[in-house]
């Protein structure tokens, strides 16, 4: 059954309650904002607006809107070899970062042994 009310509602930074314009601060007083531009390895720019916060609270990296690659605020921080060419890592690449090939062989052997024992197959 569908509900008439939306499942997710957001509010503006600085608003005291609700999500409608009637709940905005009086006299047009707004929370100070800043624009931050993120650039990816392909030189795509992703401009974002944040509330004016201390520098350490604003994310250092963001996903590029055009290619999905990792974009940074400071181009000097960006090392191209740290990221895959297409901007994404597969599940297998993350697993290989966490486990050695010996660990993978041990996990596979254990899983096959349990499977064979459950099915009553020889060789294990």
PDB file of N, CA and C in Angstrom:
ATOM      1  N   UNK A   1       0.838  -1.178   0.000  1.00  0.00           N
ATOM      2  CA  UNK A   1       0.000   0.000   0.000  1.00  0.00           C
ATOM      3  C   UNK A   1       0.884   1.242   0.000  1.00  0.00           C
ATOM      4  N   UNK A   2       0.561   2.193  -0.823  1.00  0.00           N
ATOM      5  CA  UNK A   2       1.310   3.435  -0.898  1.00  0.00           C
ATOM      6  C   UNK A   2       0.806   4.410   0.151  1.00  0.00           C
ATOM      7  N   UNK A   3       1.733   5.141   0.725  1.00  0.00           N
ATOM      8  CA  UNK A   3       1.371   6.158   1.707  1.00  0.00           C
ATOM      9  C   UNK A   3       1.318   7.514   1.023  1.00  0.00           C
ATOM     10  N   UNK A   4       0.436   8.357   1.519  1.00  0.00           N
ATOM     11  CA  UNK A   4       0.306   9.677   0.913  1.00  0.00           C
ATOM     12  C   UNK A   4       1.475  10.584   1.269  1.00  0.00           C
ATOM     13  N   UNK A   5       2.116  10.335   2.410  1.00  0.00           N
ATOM     14  CA  UNK A   5       3.248  11.163   2.833  1.00  0.00           C
ATOM     15  C   UNK A   5       4.540  10.577   2.279  1.00  0.00           C
ATOM     16  N   UNK A   6       5.465  11.425   1.855  1.00  0.00           N
ATOM     17  CA  UNK A   6       6.748  10.896   1.368  1.00  0.00           C
ATOM     18  C   UNK A   6       7.534  10.249   2.507  1.00  0.00           C
ATOM     19  N   UNK A   7       8.355   9.273   2.169  1.00  0.00           N
ATOM     20  CA  UNK A   7       9.121   8.557   3.179  1.00  0.00           C
ATOM     21  C   UNK A   7      10.326   9.311   3.677  1.00  0.00           C
ATOM     22  N   UNK A   8      10.794  10.275   2.901  1.00  0.00           N
ATOM     23  CA  UNK A   8      12.007  10.996   3.284  1.00  0.00           C
ATOM     24  C   UNK A   8      11.765  12.478   3.101  1.00  0.00           C
ATOM     25  N   UNK A   9      12.041  13.227   4.149  1.00  0.00           N
ATOM     26  CA  UNK A   9      11.892  14.679   4.065  1.00  0.00           C
ATOM     27  C   UNK A   9      13.154  15.314   4.600  1.00  0.00           C
ATOM     28  N   UNK A  10      13.627  16.295   3.919  1.00  0.00           N
ATOM     29  CA  UNK A  10      14.820  17.007   4.363  1.00  0.00           C
ATOM     30  C   UNK A  10      14.473  18.431   4.740  1.00  0.00           C
ATOM     31  N   UNK A  11      15.377  19.060   5.456  1.00  0.00           N
ATOM     32  CA  UNK A  11      15.194  20.463   5.803  1.00  0.00           C
ATOM     33  C   UNK A  11      16.449  21.221   5.420  1.00  0.00           C
ATOM     34  N   UNK A  12      16.321  22.494   5.257  1.00  0.00           N
ATOM     35  CA  UNK A  12      17.466  23.323   4.906  1.00  0.00           C
ATOM     36  C   UNK A  12      18.353  23.543   6.119  1.00  0.00           C
ATOM     37  N   UNK A  13      19.617  23.748   5.862  1.00  0.00           N
ATOM     38  CA  UNK A  13      20.541  24.073   6.937  1.00  0.00           C
ATOM     39  C   UNK A  13      20.108  25.397   7.540  1.00  0.00           C
ATOM     40  N   UNK A  14      19.984  25.439   8.845  1.00  0.00           N
ATOM     41  CA  UNK A  14      19.591  26.664   9.520  1.00  0.00           C
ATOM     42  C   UNK A  14      18.106  26.746   9.804  1.00  0.00           C
ATOM     43  N   UNK A  15      17.294  25.881   9.187  1.00  0.00           N
ATOM     44  CA  UNK A  15      15.864  25.886   9.466  1.00  0.00           C
ATOM     45  C   UNK A  15      15.628  25.278  10.841  1.00  0.00           C
ATOM     46  N   UNK A  16      14.630  25.794  11.546  1.00  0.00           N
ATOM     47  CA  UNK A  16      14.376  25.290  12.893  1.00  0.00           C
ATOM     48  C   UNK A  16      13.492  24.063  12.887  1.00  0.00           C
ATOM     49  N   UNK A  17      12.550  23.973  11.956  1.00  0.00           N
ATOM     50  CA  UNK A  17      11.688  22.804  11.888  1.00  0.00           C
ATOM     51  C   UNK A  17      11.032  22.741  10.522  1.00  0.00           C
ATOM     52  N   UNK A  18      10.503  21.569  10.176  1.00  0.00           N
ATOM     53  CA  UNK A  18       9.754  21.428   8.944  1.00  0.00           C
ATOM     54  C   UNK A  18      10.591  21.575   7.692  1.00  0.00           C
ATOM     55  N   UNK A  19       9.926  21.423   6.550  1.00  0.00           N
ATOM     56  CA  UNK A  19      10.639  21.504   5.285  1.00  0.00           C
ATOM     57  C   UNK A  19       9.998  22.491   4.324  1.00  0.00           C
ATOM     58  N   UNK A  20       9.056  23.280   4.809  1.00  0.00           N
ATOM     59  CA  UNK A  20       8.390  24.226   3.917  1.00  0.00           C
ATOM     60  C   UNK A  20       8.951  25.627   4.111  1.00  0.00           C
ATOM     61  N   UNK A  21       8.748  26.515   3.130  1.00  0.00           N
ATOM     62  CA  UNK A  21       9.275  27.881   3.239  1.00  0.00           C
ATOM     63  C   UNK A  21       8.752  28.640   4.457  1.00  0.00           C
ATOM     64  N   UNK A  22       7.577  28.284   4.975  1.00  0.00           N
ATOM     65  CA  UNK A  22       7.045  29.011   6.130  1.00  0.00           C
ATOM     66  C   UNK A  22       7.881  28.785   7.384  1.00  0.00           C
ATOM     67  N   UNK A  23       8.741  27.773   7.375  1.00  0.00           N
ATOM     68  CA  UNK A  23       9.595  27.494   8.532  1.00  0.00           C
ATOM     69  C   UNK A  23      10.988  28.086   8.390  1.00  0.00           C
ATOM     70  N   UNK A  24      11.240  28.828   7.316  1.00  0.00           N
ATOM     71  CA  UNK A  24      12.552  29.448   7.145  1.00  0.00           C
ATOM     72  C   UNK A  24      12.699  30.624   8.103  1.00  0.00           C
ATOM     73  N   UNK A  25      13.933  30.954   8.452  1.00  0.00           N
ATOM     74  CA  UNK A  25      14.146  32.073   9.376  1.00  0.00           C
ATOM     75  C   UNK A  25      13.563  33.376   8.824  1.00  0.00           C
ATOM     76  N   UNK A  26      13.066  34.261   9.702  1.00  0.00           N
ATOM     77  CA  UNK A  26      12.480  35.525   9.242  1.00  0.00           C
ATOM     78  C   UNK A  26      13.543  36.465   8.675  1.00  0.00           C
ATOM     79  N   UNK A  27      13.093  37.436   7.936  1.00  0.00           N
ATOM     80  CA  UNK A  27      13.935  38.501   7.389  1.00  0.00           C
ATOM     81  C   UNK A  27      14.998  37.985   6.421  1.00  0.00           C
ATOM     82  N   UNK A  28      14.818  36.808   5.880  1.00  0.00           N
ATOM     83  CA  UNK A  28      15.761  36.296   4.895  1.00  0.00           C
ATOM     84  C   UNK A  28      17.141  35.975   5.438  1.00  0.00           C
ATOM     85  N   UNK A  29      17.278  35.823   6.751  1.00  0.00           N
ATOM     86  CA  UNK A  29      18.575  35.477   7.344  1.00  0.00           C
ATOM     87  C   UNK A  29      18.857  34.014   7.014  1.00  0.00           C
ATOM     88  N   UNK A  30      19.978  33.771   6.407  1.00  0.00           N
ATOM     89  CA  UNK A  30      20.331  32.406   6.018  1.00  0.00           C
ATOM     90  C   UNK A  30      21.657  32.006   6.652  1.00  0.00           C
ATOM     91  N   UNK A  31      21.837  30.720   6.750  1.00  0.00           N
ATOM     92  CA  UNK A  31      23.106  30.195   7.229  1.00  0.00           C
ATOM     93  C   UNK A  31      24.172  30.478   6.172  1.00  0.00           C
ATOM     94  N   UNK A  32      25.343  30.963   6.561  1.00  0.00           N
ATOM     95  CA  UNK A  32      26.402  31.218   5.575  1.00  0.00           C
ATOM     96  C   UNK A  32      26.779  29.938   4.826  1.00  0.00           C
ATOM     97  N   UNK A  33      27.023  30.075   3.538  1.00  0.00           N
ATOM     98  CA  UNK A  33      27.348  28.923   2.690  1.00  0.00           C
ATOM     99  C   UNK A  33      28.623  29.201   1.913  1.00  0.00           C
ATOM    100  N   UNK A  34      29.249  28.111   1.485  1.00  0.00           N
ATOM    101  CA  UNK A  34      30.433  28.231   0.636  1.00  0.00           C
ATOM    102  C   UNK A  34      30.311  27.242  -0.517  1.00  0.00           C
ATOM    103  N   UNK A  35      30.947  27.578  -1.623  1.00  0.00           N
ATOM    104  CA  UNK A  35      30.994  26.662  -2.754  1.00  0.00           C
ATOM    105  C   UNK A  35      32.358  25.989  -2.769  1.00  0.00           C
ATOM    106  N   UNK A  36      32.339  24.666  -2.912  1.00  0.00           N
ATOM    107  CA  UNK A  36      33.571  23.883  -2.985  1.00  0.00           C
ATOM    108  C   UNK A  36      33.575  23.177  -4.337  1.00  0.00           C
ATOM    109  N   UNK A  37      34.700  23.264  -5.042  1.00  0.00           N
ATOM    110  CA  UNK A  37      34.809  22.625  -6.351  1.00  0.00           C
ATOM    111  C   UNK A  37      35.731  21.419  -6.235  1.00  0.00           C
ATOM    112  N   UNK A  38      35.208  20.265  -6.640  1.00  0.00           N
ATOM    113  CA  UNK A  38      35.976  19.019  -6.653  1.00  0.00           C
ATOM    114  C   UNK A  38      36.356  18.717  -8.096  1.00  0.00           C
ATOM    115  N   UNK A  39      37.584  18.227  -8.314  1.00  0.00           N
ATOM    116  CA  UNK A  39      38.063  17.875  -9.652  1.00  0.00           C
ATOM    117  C   UNK A  39      38.554  16.428  -9.647  1.00  0.00           C
ATOM    118  N   UNK A  40      38.184  15.693 -10.699  1.00  0.00           N
ATOM    119  CA  UNK A  40      38.624  14.302 -10.815  1.00  0.00           C
ATOM    120  C   UNK A  40      39.861  14.235 -11.708  1.00  0.00           C
ATOM    121  N   UNK A  41      40.374  13.032 -11.919  1.00  0.00           N
ATOM    122  CA  UNK A  41      41.577  12.828 -12.730  1.00  0.00           C
ATOM    123  C   UNK A  41      41.350  13.211 -14.191  1.00  0.00           C
ATOM    124  N   UNK A  42      40.093  13.212 -14.628  1.00  0.00           N
ATOM    125  CA  UNK A  42      39.774  13.573 -16.014  1.00  0.00           C
ATOM    126  C   UNK A  42      39.448  15.061 -16.146  1.00  0.00           C
ATOM    127  N   UNK A  43      39.745  15.833 -15.108  1.00  0.00           N
ATOM    128  CA  UNK A  43      39.535  17.293 -15.064  1.00  0.00           C
ATOM    129  C   UNK A  43      38.071  17.714 -15.093  1.00  0.00           C
ATOM    130  N   UNK A  44      37.165  16.814 -14.727  1.00  0.00           N
ATOM    131  CA  UNK A  44      35.760  17.195 -14.593  1.00  0.00           C
ATOM    132  C   UNK A  44      35.603  17.953 -13.279  1.00  0.00           C
ATOM    133  N   UNK A  45      34.782  18.979 -13.292  1.00  0.00           N
ATOM    134  CA  UNK A  45      34.541  19.759 -12.078  1.00  0.00           C
ATOM    135  C   UNK A  45      33.164  19.436 -11.517  1.00  0.00           C
ATOM    136  N   UNK A  46      33.093  19.282 -10.203  1.00  0.00           N
ATOM    137  CA  UNK A  46      31.840  19.055  -9.500  1.00  0.00           C
ATOM    138  C   UNK A  46      31.706  20.131  -8.436  1.00  0.00           C
ATOM    139  N   UNK A  47      30.949  21.201  -8.714  1.00  0.00           N
ATOM    140  CA  UNK A  47      30.771  22.251  -7.705  1.00  0.00           C
ATOM    141  C   UNK A  47      29.650  21.875  -6.736  1.00  0.00           C
ATOM    142  N   UNK A  48      29.886  22.048  -5.451  1.00  0.00           N
ATOM    143  CA  UNK A  48      28.890  21.750  -4.420  1.00  0.00           C
ATOM    144  C   UNK A  48      28.792  22.915  -3.454  1.00  0.00           C
ATOM    145  N   UNK A  49      27.623  23.088  -2.867  1.00  0.00           N
ATOM    146  CA  UNK A  49      27.396  24.128  -1.874  1.00  0.00           C
ATOM    147  C   UNK A  49      27.282  23.456  -0.509  1.00  0.00           C
ATOM    148  N   UNK A  50      28.056  23.944   0.450  1.00  0.00           N
ATOM    149  CA  UNK A  50      28.023  23.447   1.823  1.00  0.00           C
ATOM    150  C   UNK A  50      27.741  24.606   2.764  1.00  0.00           C
ATOM    151  N   UNK A  51      27.237  24.270   3.951  1.00  0.00           N
ATOM    152  CA  UNK A  51      27.169  25.281   5.001  1.00  0.00           C
ATOM    153  C   UNK A  51      28.605  25.662   5.339  1.00  0.00           C
ATOM    154  N   UNK A  52      28.803  26.903   5.727  1.00  0.00           N
ATOM    155  CA  UNK A  52      30.158  27.357   6.042  1.00  0.00           C
ATOM    156  C   UNK A  52      30.587  26.710   7.356  1.00  0.00           C
ATOM    157  N   UNK A  53      31.369  25.658   7.233  1.00  0.00           N
ATOM    158  CA  UNK A  53      31.839  24.866   8.365  1.00  0.00           C
ATOM    159  C   UNK A  53      33.357  24.930   8.415  1.00  0.00           C
ATOM    160  N   UNK A  54      33.944  24.465   9.522  1.00  0.00           N
ATOM    161  CA  UNK A  54      35.408  24.358   9.545  1.00  0.00           C
ATOM    162  C   UNK A  54      35.884  23.436   8.417  1.00  0.00           C
ATOM    163  N   UNK A  55      37.063  23.708   7.900  1.00  0.00           N
ATOM    164  CA  UNK A  55      37.593  22.987   6.745  1.00  0.00           C
ATOM    165  C   UNK A  55      37.628  21.474   6.954  1.00  0.00           C
ATOM    166  N   UNK A  56      37.911  21.027   8.171  1.00  0.00           N
ATOM    167  CA  UNK A  56      38.018  19.583   8.409  1.00  0.00           C
ATOM    168  C   UNK A  56      36.662  18.870   8.377  1.00  0.00           C
ATOM    169  N   UNK A  57      35.553  19.606   8.425  1.00  0.00           N
ATOM    170  CA  UNK A  57      34.229  18.992   8.369  1.00  0.00           C
ATOM    171  C   UNK A  57      33.679  18.885   6.948  1.00  0.00           C
ATOM    172  N   UNK A  58      34.350  19.494   5.991  1.00  0.00           N
ATOM    173  CA  UNK A  58      33.934  19.404   4.592  1.00  0.00           C
ATOM    174  C   UNK A  58      34.706  18.252   3.958  1.00  0.00           C
ATOM    175  N   UNK A  59      34.007  17.330   3.276  1.00  0.00           N
ATOM    176  CA  UNK A  59      34.670  16.146   2.722  1.00  0.00           C
ATOM    177  C   UNK A  59      35.831  16.500   1.798  1.00  0.00           C
ATOM    178  N   UNK A  60      36.891  15.719   1.873  1.00  0.00           N
ATOM    179  CA  UNK A  60      38.059  15.931   1.024  1.00  0.00           C
ATOM    180  C   UNK A  60      37.905  15.315  -0.347  1.00  0.00           C
ATOM    181  N   UNK A  61      37.055  14.293  -0.455  1.00  0.00           N
ATOM    182  CA  UNK A  61      36.814  13.633  -1.740  1.00  0.00           C
ATOM    183  C   UNK A  61      35.310  13.528  -1.974  1.00  0.00           C
ATOM    184  N   UNK A  62      34.945  13.429  -3.254  1.00  0.00           N
ATOM    185  CA  UNK A  62      33.541  13.331  -3.653  1.00  0.00           C
ATOM    186  C   UNK A  62      33.507  12.565  -4.957  1.00  0.00           C
ATOM    187  N   UNK A  63      32.403  11.904  -5.263  1.00  0.00           N
ATOM    188  CA  UNK A  63      32.272  11.204  -6.540  1.00  0.00           C
ATOM    189  C   UNK A  63      32.007  12.209  -7.652  1.00  0.00           C
ATOM    190  N   UNK A  64      32.724  12.057  -8.752  1.00  0.00           N
ATOM    191  CA  UNK A  64      32.536  12.936  -9.907  1.00  0.00           C
ATOM    192  C   UNK A  64      31.144  12.697 -10.495  1.00  0.00           C
ATOM    193  N   UNK A  65      30.448  13.769 -10.819  1.00  0.00           N
ATOM    194  CA  UNK A  65      29.099  13.653 -11.380  1.00  0.00           C
ATOM    195  C   UNK A  65      29.109  13.114 -12.806  1.00  0.00           C
ATOM    196  N   UNK A  66      30.180  13.344 -13.534  1.00  0.00           N
ATOM    197  CA  UNK A  66      30.211  12.940 -14.944  1.00  0.00           C
ATOM    198  C   UNK A  66      30.708  11.520 -15.147  1.00  0.00           C
ATOM    199  N   UNK A  67      31.823  11.153 -14.503  1.00  0.00           N
ATOM    200  CA  UNK A  67      32.420   9.844 -14.778  1.00  0.00           C
ATOM    201  C   UNK A  67      32.349   8.888 -13.592  1.00  0.00           C
ATOM    202  N   UNK A  68      31.971   9.376 -12.415  1.00  0.00           N
ATOM    203  CA  UNK A  68      31.889   8.514 -11.244  1.00  0.00           C
ATOM    204  C   UNK A  68      33.217   8.290 -10.558  1.00  0.00           C
ATOM    205  N   UNK A  69      34.284   8.881 -11.079  1.00  0.00           N
ATOM    206  CA  UNK A  69      35.603   8.735 -10.469  1.00  0.00           C
ATOM    207  C   UNK A  69      35.706   9.526  -9.175  1.00  0.00           C
ATOM    208  N   UNK A  70      36.810   9.370  -8.503  1.00  0.00           N
ATOM    209  CA  UNK A  70      37.028  10.088  -7.255  1.00  0.00           C
ATOM    210  C   UNK A  70      37.557  11.476  -7.560  1.00  0.00           C
ATOM    211  N   UNK A  71      36.869  12.476  -7.036  1.00  0.00           N
ATOM    212  CA  UNK A  71      37.275  13.869  -7.222  1.00  0.00           C
ATOM    213  C   UNK A  71      37.751  14.415  -5.883  1.00  0.00           C
ATOM    214  N   UNK A  72      38.750  15.286  -5.921  1.00  0.00           N
ATOM    215  CA  UNK A  72      39.292  15.866  -4.693  1.00  0.00           C
ATOM    216  C   UNK A  72      39.190  17.382  -4.733  1.00  0.00           C
ATOM    217  N   UNK A  73      39.302  17.982  -3.559  1.00  0.00           N
ATOM    218  CA  UNK A  73      39.271  19.439  -3.461  1.00  0.00           C
ATOM    219  C   UNK A  73      40.597  20.034  -3.893  1.00  0.00           C
ATOM    220  N   UNK A  74      41.680  19.341  -3.604  1.00  0.00           N
ATOM    221  CA  UNK A  74      43.019  19.843  -3.886  1.00  0.00           C
ATOM    222  C   UNK A  74      43.669  18.919  -4.904  1.00  0.00           C
ATOM    223  N   UNK A  75      43.956  19.421  -6.090  1.00  0.00           N
ATOM    224  CA  UNK A  75      44.530  18.577  -7.141  1.00  0.00           C
ATOM    225  C   UNK A  75      45.899  18.028  -6.761  1.00  0.00           C
ATOM    226  N   UNK A  76      46.624  18.712  -5.886  1.00  0.00           N
ATOM    227  CA  UNK A  76      47.946  18.232  -5.472  1.00  0.00           C
ATOM    228  C   UNK A  76      47.824  16.943  -4.664  1.00  0.00           C
ATOM    229  N   UNK A  77      46.682  16.737  -3.987  1.00  0.00           N
ATOM    230  CA  UNK A  77      46.481  15.515  -3.200  1.00  0.00           C
ATOM    231  C   UNK A  77      46.234  14.308  -4.089  1.00  0.00           C
ATOM    232  N   UNK A  78      45.797  14.548  -5.309  1.00  0.00           N
ATOM    233  CA  UNK A  78      45.296  13.485  -6.154  1.00  0.00           C
ATOM    234  C   UNK A  78      46.425  12.718  -6.809  1.00  0.00           C
ATOM    235  N   UNK A  79      46.536  11.452  -6.476  1.00  0.00           N
ATOM    236  CA  UNK A  79      47.516  10.573  -7.115  1.00  0.00           C
ATOM    237  C   UNK A  79      46.739   9.592  -7.989  1.00  0.00           C
ATOM    238  N   UNK A  80      46.917   9.675  -9.285  1.00  0.00           N
ATOM    239  CA  UNK A  80      46.139   8.880 -10.226  1.00  0.00           C
ATOM    240  C   UNK A  80      46.306   7.382  -9.996  1.00  0.00           C
ATOM    241  N   UNK A  81      47.491   6.958  -9.587  1.00  0.00           N
ATOM    242  CA  UNK A  81      47.712   5.522  -9.409  1.00  0.00           C
ATOM    243  C   UNK A  81      46.970   4.958  -8.204  1.00  0.00           C
ATOM    244  N   UNK A  82      46.444   5.809  -7.324  1.00  0.00           N
ATOM    245  CA  UNK A  82      45.706   5.327  -6.160  1.00  0.00           C
ATOM    246  C   UNK A  82      44.320   4.820  -6.519  1.00  0.00           C
ATOM    247  N   UNK A  83      43.818   5.161  -7.704  1.00  0.00           N
ATOM    248  CA  UNK A  83      42.460   4.823  -8.069  1.00  0.00           C
ATOM    249  C   UNK A  83      42.457   4.047  -9.375  1.00  0.00           C
ATOM    250  N   UNK A  84      41.510   3.125  -9.539  1.00  0.00           N
ATOM    251  CA  UNK A  84      41.411   2.395 -10.797  1.00  0.00           C
ATOM    252  C   UNK A  84      41.071   3.337 -11.950  1.00  0.00           C
ATOM    253  N   UNK A  85      41.389   2.922 -13.171  1.00  0.00           N
ATOM    254  CA  UNK A  85      41.192   3.778 -14.341  1.00  0.00           C
ATOM    255  C   UNK A  85      39.730   4.165 -14.539  1.00  0.00           C
ATOM    256  N   UNK A  86      38.801   3.242 -14.247  1.00  0.00           N
ATOM    257  CA  UNK A  86      37.390   3.563 -14.456  1.00  0.00           C
ATOM    258  C   UNK A  86      36.747   4.204 -13.226  1.00  0.00           C
ATOM    259  N   UNK A  87      37.506   4.368 -12.142  1.00  0.00           N
ATOM    260  CA  UNK A  87      36.981   5.037 -10.961  1.00  0.00           C
ATOM    261  C   UNK A  87      36.343   4.107  -9.948  1.00  0.00           C
ATOM    262  N   UNK A  88      36.206   2.832 -10.268  1.00  0.00           N
ATOM    263  CA  UNK A  88      35.540   1.906  -9.368  1.00  0.00           C
ATOM    264  C   UNK A  88      36.395   0.666  -9.157  1.00  0.00           C
ATOM    265  N   UNK A  89      36.258   0.062  -7.999  1.00  0.00           N
ATOM    266  CA  UNK A  89      36.907  -1.212  -7.719  1.00  0.00           C
ATOM    267  C   UNK A  89      35.824  -2.278  -7.656  1.00  0.00           C
ATOM    268  N   UNK A  90      36.151  -3.459  -8.136  1.00  0.00           N
ATOM    269  CA  UNK A  90      35.201  -4.559  -8.054  1.00  0.00           C
ATOM    270  C   UNK A  90      35.253  -5.161  -6.652  1.00  0.00           C
ATOM    271  N   UNK A  91      34.267  -5.997  -6.361  1.00  0.00           N
ATOM    272  CA  UNK A  91      34.240  -6.682  -5.072  1.00  0.00           C
ATOM    273  C   UNK A  91      35.509  -7.524  -4.902  1.00  0.00           C
ATOM    274  N   UNK A  92      35.936  -8.183  -5.968  1.00  0.00           N
ATOM    275  CA  UNK A  92      37.128  -9.023  -5.906  1.00  0.00           C
ATOM    276  C   UNK A  92      38.376  -8.205  -5.578  1.00  0.00           C
ATOM    277  N   UNK A  93      38.488  -6.994  -6.117  1.00  0.00           N
ATOM    278  CA  UNK A  93      39.647  -6.148  -5.808  1.00  0.00           C
ATOM    279  C   UNK A  93      39.691  -5.776  -4.327  1.00  0.00           C
ATOM    280  N   UNK A  94      38.517  -5.504  -3.740  1.00  0.00           N
ATOM    281  CA  UNK A  94      38.482  -5.205  -2.309  1.00  0.00           C
ATOM    282  C   UNK A  94      38.857  -6.436  -1.481  1.00  0.00           C
ATOM    283  N   UNK A  95      38.381  -7.611  -1.895  1.00  0.00           N
ATOM    284  CA  UNK A  95      38.722  -8.845  -1.175  1.00  0.00           C
ATOM    285  C   UNK A  95      40.218  -9.104  -1.255  1.00  0.00           C
ATOM    286  N   UNK A  96      40.821  -8.887  -2.421  1.00  0.00           N
ATOM    287  CA  UNK A  96      42.258  -9.113  -2.583  1.00  0.00           C
ATOM    288  C   UNK A  96      43.091  -8.157  -1.736  1.00  0.00           C
ATOM    289  N   UNK A  97      42.540  -6.976  -1.429  1.00  0.00           N
ATOM    290  CA  UNK A  97      43.243  -6.051  -0.535  1.00  0.00           C
ATOM    291  C   UNK A  97      43.278  -6.582   0.895  1.00  0.00           C
ATOM    292  N   UNK A  98      42.220  -7.304   1.277  1.00  0.00           N
ATOM    293  CA  UNK A  98      42.110  -7.772   2.661  1.00  0.00           C
ATOM    294  C   UNK A  98      42.752  -9.136   2.897  1.00  0.00           C
ATOM    295  N   UNK A  99      42.818  -9.974   1.865  1.00  0.00           N
ATOM    296  CA  UNK A  99      43.297 -11.345   2.056  1.00  0.00           C
ATOM    297  C   UNK A  99      44.400 -11.691   1.073  1.00  0.00           C
ATOM    298  N   UNK A 100      45.341 -12.504   1.558  1.00  0.00           N
ATOM    299  CA  UNK A 100      46.392 -13.004   0.666  1.00  0.00           C
ATOM    300  C   UNK A 100      45.828 -14.175  -0.134  1.00  0.00           C
ATOM    301  N   UNK A 101      46.552 -14.620  -1.160  1.00  0.00           N
ATOM    302  CA  UNK A 101      46.066 -15.757  -1.942  1.00  0.00           C
ATOM    303  C   UNK A 101      46.063 -17.033  -1.112  1.00  0.00           C
ATOM    304  N   UNK A 102      46.965 -17.144  -0.126  1.00  0.00           N
ATOM    305  CA  UNK A 102      46.951 -18.308   0.764  1.00  0.00           C
ATOM    306  C   UNK A 102      45.680 -18.309   1.615  1.00  0.00           C
ATOM    307  N   UNK A 103      45.285 -17.137   2.125  1.00  0.00           N
ATOM    308  CA  UNK A 103      44.035 -17.038   2.886  1.00  0.00           C
ATOM    309  C   UNK A 103      42.848 -17.433   2.016  1.00  0.00           C
ATOM    310  N   UNK A 104      42.846 -16.992   0.770  1.00  0.00           N
ATOM    311  CA  UNK A 104      41.753 -17.315  -0.145  1.00  0.00           C
ATOM    312  C   UNK A 104      41.688 -18.817  -0.397  1.00  0.00           C
ATOM    313  N   UNK A 105      42.853 -19.455  -0.580  1.00  0.00           N
ATOM    314  CA  UNK A 105      42.882 -20.907  -0.787  1.00  0.00           C
ATOM    315  C   UNK A 105      42.356 -21.641   0.439  1.00  0.00           C
ATOM    316  N   UNK A 106      42.715 -21.176   1.638  1.00  0.00           N
ATOM    317  CA  UNK A 106      42.239 -21.803   2.876  1.00  0.00           C
ATOM    318  C   UNK A 106      40.725 -21.669   3.020  1.00  0.00           C
ATOM    319  N   UNK A 107      40.190 -20.496   2.720  1.00  0.00           N
ATOM    320  CA  UNK A 107      38.741 -20.281   2.805  1.00  0.00           C
ATOM    321  C   UNK A 107      38.018 -21.165   1.801  1.00  0.00           C
ATOM    322  N   UNK A 108      38.525 -21.245   0.574  1.00  0.00           N
ATOM    323  CA  UNK A 108      37.910 -22.074  -0.454  1.00  0.00           C
ATOM    324  C   UNK A 108      37.945 -23.549  -0.061  1.00  0.00           C
ATOM    325  N   UNK A 109      39.088 -24.023   0.429  1.00  0.00           N
ATOM    326  CA  UNK A 109      39.210 -25.433   0.827  1.00  0.00           C
ATOM    327  C   UNK A 109      38.235 -25.761   1.953  1.00  0.00           C
ATOM    328  N   UNK A 110      38.109 -24.873   2.923  1.00  0.00           N
ATOM    329  CA  UNK A 110      37.171 -25.097   4.028  1.00  0.00           C
ATOM    330  C   UNK A 110      35.728 -25.135   3.552  1.00  0.00           C
ATOM    331  N   UNK A 111      35.370 -24.233   2.649  1.00  0.00           N
ATOM    332  CA  UNK A 111      34.000 -24.195   2.131  1.00  0.00           C
ATOM    333  C   UNK A 111      33.693 -25.452   1.324  1.00  0.00           C
ATOM    334  N   UNK A 112      34.646 -25.895   0.495  1.00  0.00           N
ATOM    335  CA  UNK A 112      34.435 -27.117  -0.287  1.00  0.00           C
ATOM    336  C   UNK A 112      34.328 -28.339   0.614  1.00  0.00           C
ATOM    337  N   UNK A 113      35.125 -28.377   1.660  1.00  0.00           N
ATOM    338  CA  UNK A 113      35.074 -29.501   2.600  1.00  0.00           C
ATOM    339  C   UNK A 113      33.709 -29.575   3.284  1.00  0.00           C
ATOM    340  N   UNK A 114      33.180 -28.435   3.719  1.00  0.00           N
ATOM    341  CA  UNK A 114      31.861 -28.421   4.365  1.00  0.00           C
ATOM    342  C   UNK A 114      30.765 -28.810   3.374  1.00  0.00           C
ATOM    343  N   UNK A 115      30.876 -28.356   2.139  1.00  0.00           N
ATOM    344  CA  UNK A 115      29.891 -28.685   1.117  1.00  0.00           C
ATOM    345  C   UNK A 115      29.895 -30.178   0.819  1.00  0.00           C
ATOM    346  N   UNK A 116      31.083 -30.746   0.677  1.00  0.00           N
ATOM    347  CA  UNK A 116      31.180 -32.185   0.396  1.00  0.00           C
ATOM    348  C   UNK A 116      30.661 -33.010   1.569  1.00  0.00           C
ATOM    349  N   UNK A 117      30.942 -32.578   2.791  1.00  0.00           N
ATOM    350  CA  UNK A 117      30.467 -33.302   3.972  1.00  0.00           C
ATOM    351  C   UNK A 117      28.938 -33.248   4.048  1.00  0.00           C
ATOM    352  N   UNK A 118      28.361 -32.127   3.706  1.00  0.00           N
ATOM    353  CA  UNK A 118      26.911 -31.971   3.770  1.00  0.00           C
ATOM    354  C   UNK A 118      26.220 -32.819   2.706  1.00  0.00           C
ATOM    355  N   UNK A 119      26.839 -32.952   1.552  1.00  0.00           N
ATOM    356  CA  UNK A 119      26.242 -33.721   0.464  1.00  0.00           C
ATOM    357  C   UNK A 119      26.680 -35.185   0.472  1.00  0.00           C
ATOM    358  N   UNK A 120      27.609 -35.523   1.349  1.00  0.00           N
ATOM    359  CA  UNK A 120      28.082 -36.896   1.429  1.00  0.00           C
ATOM    360  C   UNK A 120      28.981 -37.299   0.278  1.00  0.00           C
ATOM    361  N   UNK A 121      29.690 -36.334  -0.302  1.00  0.00           N
ATOM    362  CA  UNK A 121      30.591 -36.625  -1.416  1.00  0.00           C
ATOM    363  C   UNK A 121      31.979 -36.970  -0.893  1.00  0.00           C
ATOM    364  N   UNK A 122      32.677 -37.885  -1.569  1.00  0.00           N
ATOM    365  CA  UNK A 122      34.040 -38.223  -1.148  1.00  0.00           C
ATOM    366  C   UNK A 122      35.036 -37.145  -1.578  1.00  0.00           C
ATOM    367  N   UNK A 123      36.217 -37.181  -0.971  1.00  0.00           N
ATOM    368  CA  UNK A 123      37.306 -36.288  -1.367  1.00  0.00           C
ATOM    369  C   UNK A 123      37.303 -34.999  -0.593  1.00  0.00           C
ATOM    370  N   UNK A 124      37.874 -35.015   0.525  1.00  0.00           N
ATOM    371  CA  UNK A 124      37.862 -33.785   1.271  1.00  0.00           C
ATOM    372  C   UNK A 124      38.809 -33.751   2.357  1.00  0.00           C
TER     373      UNK A 124
END
